Amino acid sequence: MTLEPRSIIADYNRADGTLTVHHSTQAPHMMQNVFATQLRMAEGDVRVICKDVGGSYGIKVHVYPDEMAVACMSRILGRPVKFIADRFEAFGSDIHARDHRIKGRLAVDAEGRFLAFDIDDLTGIGPYSVYPRTSAVEGNQVVNLCGGPYAFDNYRCTTTVVLQNKSPTCQYRAVGHPIATAVTEGLVDLAAQALGMDPVEIRRKNLIRDDAYPCTSPAGMKFEGLSHHASLDKLLEMVPVDRIRADQVEQRKRGVYRGLGIASFIELTNPSPFMYGIGGAKISAQDGCTVRMDPDGSVVALSGVTEQGQGTEAILAQIVAHGVGLPVSKVKVVTGDTQTTPYGGGTWACRGAGIGGEAALQSAIALKEQILEVAGAMLQAQGSSLDIVMGEIVDRATGQVRMPLSELGRIVYYRGDTLPKELSRELVQTRHFITKEYPFAFTNGIQASWLEVDVETGMVKLLEHWCVEDCGRVINPMLVDEQVRGGIVQGIGGALYEHCIYNEDGQLLTTTLADYLVPMAAEMPD
């Protein structure tokens, strides 16, 4: 569920035969192609504009019948047409997700070593497969990721999609990951119980070694540079296991049931064309960024990724500022407009920083090199002997300020006649980036939850929760903290509260926030 429901305004201009769509979407260029294809228009005659969006989580990366109807009506009428889903409509028409029935088995030897996983997944997808991303991806992700953190040699899996008279299901935040993690870690706990082993130790015995990379999982996933053991060690520094175990025994004497759960996981991010392009879907795996310096020394960055409330524009501004060498306040980021931004895949699967950010960095570095070449000509110095620091051109060796960027901009844009004729002076650079070496970029983490269960009512009370995420290089610590915190809260919702309930005729019953529960402050551990 998103804070802001889906919304769209389509405006067909009969005078020039163009369609402008203001759309709450994660993938403007994908939707540009969809509108053009279905309305039999040239792709260049369709413009999709997506400004700040109040949350998406994958819900707004799909094509919906009501939104296509809006574009069709505007084309027929030659007038703007608007649709904004209310909460009732959103519950009934937004894609649903995670409707699985899974049978899993784990083979272990007497010492607790994992030998094989056997997974049989049934994925409910509703009445049809959602275009163009297909509804089979979540089931595919589940069987790809089951057992992912662990070392074992043998794997057998099947996934089958089932058509239903329910709302369509498709990709939603962390596609398949929570299901695969729940199945895997549930089997690991059952194995520990059967063998009489400590749940922590059976995980330590079987997690892939941190020095074993690169490696390929039995499911065919290629991993590099993961840190399951380091993450487990960090978690155990945070979690007072001995105190919790002692409290658990003491509370059980009083009829209070408490438990400590631990779950390792891997995260699939930054998909390559292996995800969709290989199947013919027109969903770009690459993204681009154009970086331009204006006469006042400020920089404009235009990116194909979009802002859904996760802080994409903030981190792009940081990356460009770092790459060029100027204050963040001097960077203006423009996203979500197919007419002005480079072609790209948009925002999904954590690709905003990993793919969009890399394109921004490469563009910024290229612009810096161009600026220093011009500065060298103006200052009669080698460009390699200069640098840009906080918006000023300085001597690389001494740090002495030689010229502000605003002065260089003034000369280039207004007095180009004073520069050498053969000097390249385009203060704009565009770069694109795509994942090449691996089909995906993987990361990992581990979480622990200390909770209490009322065995009479089944109510669960969270007492404490811990999380360790291997984030790699952190661009913005505050955004990372809130992304992790938000992901935990959303995961708690999926595990304990959120549930789409239908009657025997396929009628959705949970269509208001009075019926469909989401976690709030009172449900969170301190």
Protein backbone atom coordinates (compact mmCIF):
# COMPACT_ATOMS: atom_id res chain seq x y z
CA MET A 1 0.00 0.00 0.00
CA THR A 2 1.29 3.45 -0.89
CA LEU A 3 0.60 6.75 0.84
CA GLU A 4 -0.38 8.31 -2.49
CA PRO A 5 -2.76 6.25 -4.69
CA ARG A 6 -2.19 5.85 -8.42
CA SER A 7 -2.98 8.92 -10.51
CA ILE A 8 -2.78 10.00 -14.15
CA ILE A 9 -3.68 12.96 -16.39
CA ALA A 10 -3.52 12.39 -20.14
CA ASP A 11 -3.75 15.28 -22.62
CA TYR A 12 -3.91 14.56 -26.35
CA ASN A 13 -3.21 17.57 -28.56
CA ARG A 14 -4.97 17.18 -31.90
CA ALA A 15 -3.10 20.14 -33.36
CA ASP A 16 0.30 18.47 -33.31
CA GLY A 17 -0.74 14.86 -32.69
CA THR A 18 1.09 14.54 -29.37
CA LEU A 19 0.09 12.97 -26.09
CA THR A 20 1.36 14.35 -22.77
CA VAL A 21 0.82 12.15 -19.74
CA HIS A 22 1.40 13.28 -16.16
CA HIS A 23 1.71 9.93 -14.46
CA SER A 24 2.43 8.56 -10.99
CA THR A 25 4.78 5.88 -12.28
CA GLN A 26 8.20 4.42 -11.58
CA ALA A 27 9.20 3.92 -15.22
CA PRO A 28 8.35 6.88 -17.50
CA HIS A 29 10.21 5.59 -20.57
CA MET A 30 8.59 2.17 -20.30
CA MET A 31 5.16 3.81 -20.13
CA GLN A 32 6.04 6.07 -23.08
CA ASN A 33 6.62 2.94 -25.16
CA VAL A 34 3.44 1.26 -23.86
CA PHE A 35 1.22 4.28 -24.62
CA ALA A 36 2.78 4.70 -28.06
CA THR A 37 2.43 1.02 -28.92
CA GLN A 38 -1.16 0.63 -27.76
CA LEU A 39 -2.36 3.93 -29.25
CA ARG A 40 -0.45 3.36 -32.49
CA MET A 41 1.58 6.52 -32.11
CA ALA A 42 5.24 7.31 -32.71
CA GLU A 43 7.16 7.01 -29.47
CA GLY A 44 8.52 10.54 -29.91
CA ASP A 45 4.94 11.88 -29.96
CA VAL A 46 4.31 10.66 -26.42
CA ARG A 47 5.70 12.50 -23.43
CA VAL A 48 5.46 11.05 -19.93
CA ILE A 49 6.11 13.34 -16.98
CA CYS A 50 6.55 11.91 -13.50
CA LYS A 51 7.37 14.30 -10.69
CA ASP A 52 7.62 13.47 -6.97
CA VAL A 53 5.59 10.35 -6.18
CA GLY A 54 4.29 9.50 -2.72
CA GLY A 55 5.56 5.94 -2.54
CA SER A 56 5.49 3.08 -5.05
CA TYR A 57 7.14 -0.13 -3.77
CA GLY A 58 6.75 -1.70 -7.20
CA ILE A 59 2.99 -1.10 -7.35
CA LYS A 60 3.44 1.77 -9.81
CA VAL A 61 5.85 0.04 -12.17
CA HIS A 62 3.06 -1.89 -13.90
CA VAL A 63 0.49 -1.14 -16.60
CA TYR A 64 -3.10 -0.79 -15.35
CA PRO A 65 -6.30 -1.00 -17.44
CA ASP A 66 -7.79 2.14 -15.91
CA GLU A 67 -4.69 4.18 -16.77
CA MET A 68 -4.70 2.92 -20.35
CA ALA A 69 -8.38 3.82 -20.57
CA VAL A 70 -7.54 7.40 -19.53
CA ALA A 71 -5.00 7.74 -22.34
CA CYS A 72 -7.44 6.21 -24.86
CA MET A 73 -10.25 8.56 -23.83
CA SER A 74 -8.00 11.58 -24.15
CA ARG A 75 -6.93 10.42 -27.62
CA ILE A 76 -10.57 9.98 -28.70
CA LEU A 77 -11.91 13.19 -27.12
CA GLY A 78 -8.94 15.45 -27.76
CA ARG A 79 -9.25 16.72 -24.19
CA PRO A 80 -7.43 16.17 -20.90
CA VAL A 81 -8.71 13.23 -18.87
CA LYS A 82 -7.83 12.59 -15.22
CA PHE A 83 -8.08 9.56 -12.95
CA ILE A 84 -7.06 9.38 -9.30
CA ALA A 85 -7.76 6.13 -7.49
CA ASP A 86 -9.40 6.47 -4.09
CA ARG A 87 -8.38 4.09 -1.34
CA PHE A 88 -11.21 1.65 -2.06
CA GLU A 89 -10.29 1.54 -5.75
CA ALA A 90 -6.62 1.14 -4.90
CA PHE A 91 -7.25 -1.92 -2.72
CA GLY A 92 -9.27 -3.55 -5.48
CA SER A 93 -7.21 -2.62 -8.53
CA ASP A 94 -3.56 -2.22 -7.43
CA ILE A 95 -1.52 -5.36 -7.98
CA HIS A 96 -1.39 -7.75 -5.03
CA ALA A 97 1.58 -9.98 -4.26
CA ARG A 98 3.03 -12.89 -2.29
CA ASP A 99 0.22 -15.40 -2.74
CA HIS A 100 2.25 -18.61 -2.47
CA ARG A 101 1.81 -22.18 -1.34
CA ILE A 102 5.23 -23.76 -0.90
CA LYS A 103 6.43 -27.20 0.12
CA GLY A 104 10.08 -27.27 1.11
CA ARG A 105 12.51 -29.91 2.31
CA LEU A 106 16.07 -29.60 3.57
CA ALA A 107 18.50 -32.53 3.75
CA VAL A 108 21.26 -32.35 6.39
CA ASP A 109 23.90 -34.80 7.58
CA ALA A 110 24.48 -35.87 11.17
CA GLU A 111 26.91 -32.99 11.73
CA GLY A 112 24.39 -30.41 10.57
CA ARG A 113 25.86 -29.78 7.11
CA PHE A 114 23.29 -28.88 4.49
CA LEU A 115 23.15 -31.33 1.59
CA ALA A 116 20.14 -30.32 -0.50
CA PHE A 117 17.05 -28.12 -0.76
CA ASP A 118 13.84 -29.24 -2.49
CA ILE A 119 11.32 -26.46 -3.18
CA ASP A 120 7.89 -26.71 -4.84
CA ASP A 121 6.22 -23.31 -5.29
CA LEU A 122 2.66 -22.49 -6.37
CA THR A 123 2.21 -18.77 -7.13
CA GLY A 124 -1.28 -17.30 -7.42
CA ILE A 125 -1.32 -14.56 -10.08
CA GLY A 126 -5.00 -13.61 -10.38
CA PRO A 127 -6.93 -13.74 -13.67
CA TYR A 128 -4.07 -12.87 -16.03
CA SER A 129 -0.36 -12.10 -16.19
CA VAL A 130 0.33 -8.38 -15.80
CA TYR A 131 1.80 -6.70 -18.90
CA PRO A 132 4.66 -6.20 -19.71
CA ARG A 133 6.63 -7.52 -16.73
CA THR A 134 4.64 -10.77 -16.35
CA SER A 135 3.38 -12.19 -13.06
CA ALA A 136 5.66 -15.24 -13.12
CA VAL A 137 8.70 -13.28 -11.92
CA GLU A 138 7.91 -13.48 -8.21
CA GLY A 139 7.71 -17.28 -8.25
CA ASN A 140 10.90 -17.38 -10.29
CA GLN A 141 12.62 -15.17 -7.75
CA VAL A 142 11.46 -17.39 -4.89
CA VAL A 143 13.05 -20.54 -6.32
CA ASN A 144 16.17 -18.62 -7.37
CA LEU A 145 16.72 -17.28 -3.86
CA CYS A 146 15.73 -20.17 -1.60
CA GLY A 147 18.81 -21.38 0.26
CA GLY A 148 20.76 -18.43 -1.09
CA PRO A 149 22.95 -17.59 1.92
CA TYR A 150 24.04 -21.17 2.47
CA ALA A 151 26.58 -23.58 0.98
CA PHE A 152 25.06 -26.79 -0.38
CA ASP A 153 25.46 -28.83 -3.55
CA ASN A 154 22.07 -30.16 -4.58
CA TYR A 155 18.93 -28.26 -5.48
CA ARG A 156 15.62 -29.23 -7.00
CA CYS A 157 12.84 -26.69 -7.50
CA THR A 158 9.64 -26.07 -9.43
CA THR A 159 7.43 -23.02 -9.68
CA THR A 160 3.93 -23.05 -11.11
CA VAL A 161 1.62 -20.08 -11.62
CA VAL A 162 -2.07 -20.50 -10.84
CA LEU A 163 -4.86 -18.39 -12.38
CA GLN A 164 -7.50 -17.19 -9.89
CA ASN A 165 -10.61 -15.02 -9.69
CA LYS A 166 -8.77 -12.48 -7.56
CA SER A 167 -6.98 -9.21 -8.18
CA PRO A 168 -3.85 -9.62 -10.35
CA THR A 169 -0.57 -10.18 -8.54
CA CYS A 170 2.83 -9.05 -9.75
CA GLN A 171 6.16 -7.63 -8.61
CA TYR A 172 6.09 -5.81 -5.27
CA ARG A 173 8.90 -4.55 -3.06
CA ALA A 174 11.68 -7.14 -2.57
CA VAL A 175 10.16 -9.43 -5.18
CA GLY A 176 10.20 -12.99 -3.84
CA HIS A 177 12.78 -12.22 -1.15
CA PRO A 178 10.53 -12.39 1.96
CA ILE A 179 8.99 -15.66 0.76
CA ALA A 180 12.36 -17.26 -0.03
CA THR A 181 13.81 -16.08 3.28
CA ALA A 182 10.84 -17.31 5.32
CA VAL A 183 10.95 -20.74 3.66
CA THR A 184 14.74 -21.07 3.92
CA GLU A 185 15.06 -19.92 7.51
CA GLY A 186 12.04 -21.94 8.60
CA LEU A 187 13.68 -25.08 7.23
CA VAL A 188 16.97 -24.17 8.91
CA ASP A 189 15.23 -23.79 12.28
CA LEU A 190 13.45 -27.12 11.82
CA ALA A 191 16.78 -28.78 11.01
CA ALA A 192 18.38 -27.28 14.11
CA GLN A 193 15.50 -28.49 16.22
CA ALA A 194 15.64 -32.01 14.76
CA LEU A 195 19.40 -32.25 15.38
CA GLY A 196 19.36 -30.54 18.77
CA MET A 197 21.71 -27.84 17.48
CA ASP A 198 21.82 -24.19 18.44
CA PRO A 199 20.09 -22.12 15.69
CA VAL A 200 23.02 -19.71 15.56
CA GLU A 201 25.62 -22.45 15.25
CA ILE A 202 23.84 -24.35 12.47
CA ARG A 203 23.79 -21.11 10.50
CA ARG A 204 27.43 -20.40 11.19
CA LYS A 205 28.33 -23.92 10.04
CA ASN A 206 26.50 -23.54 6.71
CA LEU A 207 26.69 -19.90 5.65
CA ILE A 208 28.84 -19.36 2.56
CA ARG A 209 32.35 -18.36 3.68
CA ASP A 210 33.22 -14.70 3.22
CA ASP A 211 36.38 -15.70 1.32
CA ALA A 212 34.54 -18.06 -1.07
CA TYR A 213 33.58 -15.44 -3.66
CA PRO A 214 32.99 -15.24 -6.52
CA CYS A 215 30.78 -18.29 -6.53
CA THR A 216 27.62 -19.60 -8.14
CA SER A 217 24.68 -20.97 -6.17
CA PRO A 218 23.02 -24.29 -7.10
CA ALA A 219 20.16 -22.15 -8.51
CA GLY A 220 22.61 -20.47 -10.88
CA MET A 221 22.87 -17.12 -9.10
CA LYS A 222 26.34 -15.55 -9.38
CA PHE A 223 27.53 -13.98 -6.13
CA GLU A 224 30.50 -11.72 -5.43
CA GLY A 225 31.78 -10.08 -2.28
CA LEU A 226 29.07 -11.05 0.21
CA SER A 227 29.63 -11.04 3.97
CA HIS A 228 27.33 -13.49 5.73
CA HIS A 229 29.80 -14.41 8.48
CA ALA A 230 30.88 -10.85 9.17
CA SER A 231 27.21 -9.86 9.31
CA LEU A 232 26.41 -12.68 11.74
CA ASP A 233 29.34 -11.69 13.96
CA LYS A 234 28.14 -8.08 13.97
CA LEU A 235 24.60 -9.15 14.82
CA LEU A 236 25.80 -11.24 17.76
CA GLU A 237 27.66 -8.19 19.08
CA MET A 238 24.34 -6.34 19.11
CA VAL A 239 21.98 -9.07 20.36
CA PRO A 240 22.33 -10.10 24.06
CA VAL A 241 21.73 -13.77 23.33
CA ASP A 242 22.66 -15.06 26.80
CA ARG A 243 20.35 -12.58 28.53
CA ILE A 244 17.52 -13.43 26.14
CA ARG A 245 17.93 -17.19 26.60
CA ALA A 246 17.90 -16.81 30.40
CA ASP A 247 14.82 -14.61 30.23
CA GLN A 248 13.16 -17.09 27.89
CA VAL A 249 13.56 -19.93 30.40
CA GLU A 250 12.37 -17.80 33.30
CA GLN A 251 9.32 -16.50 31.44
CA ARG A 252 8.34 -20.00 30.30
CA LYS A 253 8.01 -21.01 33.97
CA ARG A 254 5.37 -18.28 34.25
CA GLY A 255 3.53 -19.45 31.17
CA VAL A 256 4.91 -16.64 28.99
CA TYR A 257 6.20 -17.75 25.59
CA ARG A 258 9.06 -15.76 24.13
CA GLY A 259 11.34 -16.55 21.22
CA LEU A 260 14.38 -15.27 19.37
CA GLY A 261 14.39 -15.63 15.58
CA ILE A 262 17.33 -15.09 13.23
CA ALA A 263 17.22 -14.82 9.44
CA SER A 264 20.05 -14.40 6.95
CA PHE A 265 19.19 -13.10 3.52
CA ILE A 266 20.54 -12.02 0.18
CA GLU A 267 19.21 -9.13 -1.89
CA LEU A 268 19.04 -9.04 -5.66
CA THR A 269 19.56 -5.54 -7.10
CA ASN A 270 20.58 -3.70 -10.29
CA PRO A 271 19.18 -6.18 -12.83
CA SER A 272 20.88 -6.52 -16.22
CA PRO A 273 19.03 -7.23 -19.50
CA PHE A 274 18.94 -10.82 -18.22
CA MET A 275 15.85 -9.78 -16.22
CA TYR A 276 13.51 -8.57 -18.97
CA GLY A 277 15.37 -7.74 -22.16
CA ILE A 278 16.28 -11.35 -22.82
CA GLY A 279 12.56 -12.13 -23.02
CA GLY A 280 11.79 -9.33 -25.46
CA ALA A 281 10.12 -6.94 -23.02
CA LYS A 282 10.87 -3.29 -23.79
CA ILE A 283 12.08 -2.50 -20.29
CA SER A 284 15.46 -0.83 -20.21
CA ALA A 285 18.16 -2.23 -17.91
CA GLN A 286 20.41 0.77 -18.55
CA ASP A 287 20.08 4.33 -17.35
CA GLY A 288 21.66 7.60 -18.36
CA CYS A 289 22.53 10.97 -16.93
CA THR A 290 23.30 14.27 -18.62
CA VAL A 291 25.31 16.76 -16.58
CA ARG A 292 25.58 20.40 -17.74
CA MET A 293 27.40 23.37 -16.26
CA ASP A 294 25.62 26.70 -16.65
CA PRO A 295 27.26 30.17 -16.88
CA ASP A 296 27.00 30.82 -13.13
CA GLY A 297 29.01 27.69 -12.34
CA SER A 298 26.02 25.67 -11.18
CA VAL A 299 25.30 22.21 -12.59
CA VAL A 300 22.10 20.61 -13.83
CA ALA A 301 21.82 16.82 -13.83
CA LEU A 302 19.08 15.10 -15.85
CA SER A 303 18.53 11.45 -14.98
CA GLY A 304 16.30 8.66 -16.25
CA VAL A 305 15.58 7.36 -12.73
CA THR A 306 12.64 8.79 -10.79
CA GLU A 307 11.89 10.15 -7.33
CA GLN A 308 9.40 8.00 -5.42
CA GLY A 309 10.14 9.41 -1.97
CA GLN A 310 13.22 7.25 -1.43
CA GLY A 311 15.72 10.12 -1.86
CA THR A 312 16.94 9.46 -5.41
CA GLU A 313 17.36 13.14 -6.25
CA ALA A 314 19.26 13.77 -3.03
CA ILE A 315 21.84 11.05 -3.68
CA LEU A 316 22.19 12.01 -7.35
CA ALA A 317 22.94 15.58 -6.28
CA GLN A 318 25.59 14.28 -3.86
CA ILE A 319 27.16 12.05 -6.50
CA VAL A 320 27.32 14.79 -9.12
CA ALA A 321 28.66 17.32 -6.61
CA HIS A 322 31.38 14.87 -5.59
CA GLY A 323 32.23 13.98 -9.18
CA VAL A 324 32.54 17.58 -10.40
CA GLY A 325 33.83 19.16 -7.22
CA LEU A 326 31.24 21.69 -6.10
CA PRO A 327 28.78 22.17 -3.21
CA VAL A 328 25.62 20.05 -3.29
CA SER A 329 23.61 23.28 -3.23
CA LYS A 330 24.98 24.08 -6.69
CA VAL A 331 23.46 20.94 -8.25
CA LYS A 332 19.92 20.85 -9.63
CA VAL A 333 18.53 17.38 -10.39
CA VAL A 334 15.80 16.84 -12.97
CA THR A 335 14.07 13.43 -13.22
CA GLY A 336 10.93 11.89 -14.60
CA ASP A 337 10.46 13.53 -18.01
CA THR A 338 10.87 11.47 -21.17
CA GLN A 339 11.30 14.62 -23.26
CA THR A 340 14.32 15.92 -21.37
CA THR A 341 16.05 13.07 -19.55
CA PRO A 342 18.21 10.33 -21.11
CA TYR A 343 16.46 7.04 -21.86
CA GLY A 344 16.41 4.71 -18.90
CA GLY A 345 14.59 2.05 -16.94
CA GLY A 346 13.37 4.24 -14.09
CA THR A 347 13.20 3.25 -10.43
CA TRP A 348 12.79 -0.39 -9.36
CA ALA A 349 14.94 -3.17 -7.87
CA CYS A 350 17.22 -0.74 -6.01
CA ARG A 351 18.66 0.51 -9.31
CA GLY A 352 18.42 4.25 -8.55
CA ALA A 353 21.85 4.45 -6.92
CA GLY A 354 23.50 1.36 -8.40
CA ILE A 355 22.72 2.11 -12.05
CA GLY A 356 21.42 5.69 -12.16
CA GLY A 357 24.02 6.79 -9.65
CA GLU A 358 26.88 5.21 -11.59
CA ALA A 359 25.71 6.95 -14.79
CA ALA A 360 25.62 10.24 -12.86
CA LEU A 361 29.13 9.69 -11.49
CA GLN A 362 30.60 8.91 -14.90
CA SER A 363 28.89 11.98 -16.41
CA ALA A 364 30.14 14.19 -13.60
CA ILE A 365 33.72 12.96 -13.95
CA ALA A 366 33.60 13.51 -17.72
CA LEU A 367 32.29 17.05 -17.21
CA LYS A 368 35.05 17.77 -14.71
CA GLU A 369 37.67 16.65 -17.20
CA GLN A 370 36.14 18.94 -19.83
CA ILE A 371 36.09 21.89 -17.43
CA LEU A 372 39.73 21.37 -16.47
CA GLU A 373 40.74 21.18 -20.13
CA VAL A 374 39.14 24.59 -20.73
CA ALA A 375 40.60 25.95 -17.49
CA GLY A 376 44.07 24.80 -18.51
CA ALA A 377 43.79 26.71 -21.77
CA MET A 378 42.64 29.84 -19.96
CA LEU A 379 45.30 29.64 -17.24
CA GLN A 380 48.08 28.42 -19.54
CA ALA A 381 48.51 25.26 -17.48
CA GLN A 382 48.08 21.55 -17.96
CA GLY A 383 44.56 20.42 -17.10
CA SER A 384 46.05 17.55 -15.10
CA SER A 385 47.73 20.08 -12.79
CA LEU A 386 44.37 21.58 -11.80
CA ASP A 387 41.45 20.41 -9.71
CA ILE A 388 37.97 21.60 -8.75
CA VAL A 389 37.22 22.04 -5.06
CA MET A 390 33.92 23.45 -3.78
CA GLY A 391 33.19 25.22 -7.02
CA GLU A 392 36.64 26.74 -7.54
CA ILE A 393 39.47 25.72 -9.84
CA VAL A 394 42.61 25.21 -7.77
CA ASP A 395 46.19 24.17 -8.26
CA ARG A 396 46.25 20.44 -7.58
CA ALA A 397 49.65 20.55 -5.85
CA THR A 398 49.23 23.62 -3.63
CA GLY A 399 45.46 24.06 -3.36
CA GLN A 400 45.78 27.69 -4.43
CA VAL A 401 42.56 29.06 -5.90
CA ARG A 402 43.03 30.01 -9.55
CA MET A 403 39.50 30.77 -10.74
CA PRO A 404 35.85 30.28 -9.70
CA LEU A 405 33.69 28.12 -11.95
CA SER A 406 31.39 31.09 -12.49
CA GLU A 407 34.23 32.98 -14.22
CA LEU A 408 35.02 30.01 -16.45
CA GLY A 409 31.33 29.75 -17.30
CA ARG A 410 31.16 33.45 -18.15
CA ILE A 411 34.07 33.17 -20.55
CA VAL A 412 32.86 29.97 -22.25
CA TYR A 413 29.27 31.10 -22.74
CA TYR A 414 29.75 34.84 -23.41
CA ARG A 415 33.36 35.38 -24.54
CA GLY A 416 34.18 32.22 -26.44
CA ASP A 417 36.03 34.41 -28.92
CA THR A 418 38.88 34.71 -26.42
CA LEU A 419 39.48 30.93 -26.29
CA PRO A 420 41.62 28.88 -28.70
CA LYS A 421 39.56 28.02 -31.77
CA GLU A 422 40.36 24.30 -31.62
CA LEU A 423 39.36 24.01 -27.94
CA SER A 424 36.33 21.84 -27.23
CA ARG A 425 34.06 23.89 -25.00
CA GLU A 426 30.80 21.92 -24.63
CA LEU A 427 30.24 21.97 -20.89
CA VAL A 428 27.78 19.07 -21.03
CA GLN A 429 28.36 15.33 -20.85
CA THR A 430 26.08 12.29 -21.05
CA ARG A 431 26.93 8.80 -19.92
CA HIS A 432 24.92 5.59 -19.67
CA PHE A 433 25.52 2.62 -17.41
CA ILE A 434 24.34 -0.98 -17.47
CA THR A 435 25.18 -4.00 -15.35
CA LYS A 436 27.58 -6.08 -17.46
CA GLU A 437 29.71 -8.58 -15.57
CA TYR A 438 26.90 -10.18 -13.57
CA PRO A 439 23.15 -10.59 -14.24
CA PHE A 440 22.46 -8.87 -10.91
CA ALA A 441 24.31 -7.12 -8.11
CA PHE A 442 23.78 -8.97 -4.82
CA THR A 443 24.14 -7.75 -1.28
CA ASN A 444 23.26 -9.38 2.03
CA GLY A 445 22.34 -8.95 5.66
CA ILE A 446 20.88 -10.62 8.72
CA GLN A 447 18.13 -9.75 11.18
CA ALA A 448 16.99 -10.94 14.60
CA SER A 449 13.67 -10.51 16.35
CA TRP A 450 12.82 -11.03 20.03
CA LEU A 451 9.11 -11.42 20.57
CA GLU A 452 6.35 -12.74 22.78
CA VAL A 453 3.40 -14.88 21.66
CA ASP A 454 0.08 -15.10 23.48
CA VAL A 455 -0.64 -18.80 22.99
CA GLU A 456 -4.33 -18.28 23.79
CA THR A 457 -5.02 -15.60 21.15
CA GLY A 458 -2.05 -15.93 18.78
CA MET A 459 -1.20 -12.25 19.20
CA VAL A 460 2.48 -11.42 18.71
CA LYS A 461 4.21 -8.62 20.59
CA LEU A 462 7.57 -7.45 19.29
CA LEU A 463 10.03 -6.77 22.09
CA GLU A 464 13.26 -5.94 20.24
CA HIS A 465 14.51 -6.14 16.67
CA TRP A 466 18.03 -5.92 15.21
CA CYS A 467 19.28 -5.60 11.65
CA VAL A 468 22.70 -5.75 9.98
CA GLU A 469 22.87 -4.70 6.32
CA ASP A 470 26.01 -4.85 4.18
CA CYS A 471 25.32 -1.65 2.22
CA GLY A 472 28.70 -1.27 0.56
CA ARG A 473 29.63 2.38 0.17
CA VAL A 474 27.03 4.53 1.93
CA ILE A 475 26.25 7.73 0.04
CA ASN A 476 23.74 9.23 2.47
CA PRO A 477 23.69 7.67 5.97
CA MET A 478 20.35 9.22 6.92
CA LEU A 479 18.61 7.89 3.83
CA VAL A 480 20.14 4.44 4.36
CA ASP A 481 18.99 4.35 7.99
CA GLU A 482 15.44 5.28 7.02
CA GLN A 483 15.37 2.84 4.10
CA VAL A 484 16.40 0.02 6.43
CA ARG A 485 13.95 1.13 9.13
CA GLY A 486 11.14 1.45 6.61
CA GLY A 487 11.91 -1.96 5.14
CA ILE A 488 11.75 -3.55 8.60
CA VAL A 489 8.40 -1.94 9.34
CA GLN A 490 7.02 -3.03 5.97
CA GLY A 491 8.32 -6.55 6.58
CA ILE A 492 6.65 -6.65 9.99
CA GLY A 493 3.42 -5.60 8.29
CA GLY A 494 3.66 -8.41 5.77
CA ALA A 495 4.46 -10.98 8.44
CA LEU A 496 1.92 -10.04 11.11
CA TYR A 497 -0.74 -7.64 9.88
CA GLU A 498 -1.30 -7.17 6.15
CA HIS A 499 -3.56 -9.75 4.51
CA CYS A 500 -5.93 -9.56 1.55
CA ILE A 501 -9.02 -11.58 2.43
CA TYR A 502 -11.57 -12.80 -0.12
CA ASN A 503 -14.92 -14.52 0.32
CA GLU A 504 -15.76 -17.81 -1.37
CA ASP A 505 -16.96 -15.95 -4.49
CA GLY A 506 -13.67 -14.10 -4.95
CA GLN A 507 -14.97 -10.81 -3.53
CA LEU A 508 -12.23 -8.78 -1.82
CA LEU A 509 -13.26 -7.99 1.76
CA THR A 510 -10.30 -5.92 2.96
CA THR A 511 -10.96 -2.66 1.09
CA THR A 512 -10.40 -0.04 3.81
CA LEU A 513 -7.72 0.67 6.38
CA ALA A 514 -10.20 -0.43 9.02
CA ASP A 515 -10.02 -3.96 7.59
CA TYR A 516 -6.53 -4.08 6.09
CA LEU A 517 -4.09 -3.61 8.94
CA VAL A 518 -0.73 -1.89 8.59
CA PRO A 519 1.82 -1.54 11.39
CA MET A 520 1.83 1.77 13.24
CA ALA A 521 3.94 3.24 16.02
CA ALA A 522 2.23 1.21 18.73
CA GLU A 523 3.13 -2.04 17.00
CA MET A 524 6.83 -1.26 16.68
CA PRO A 525 9.47 -2.34 19.18
CA ASP A 526 11.20 0.51 21.02
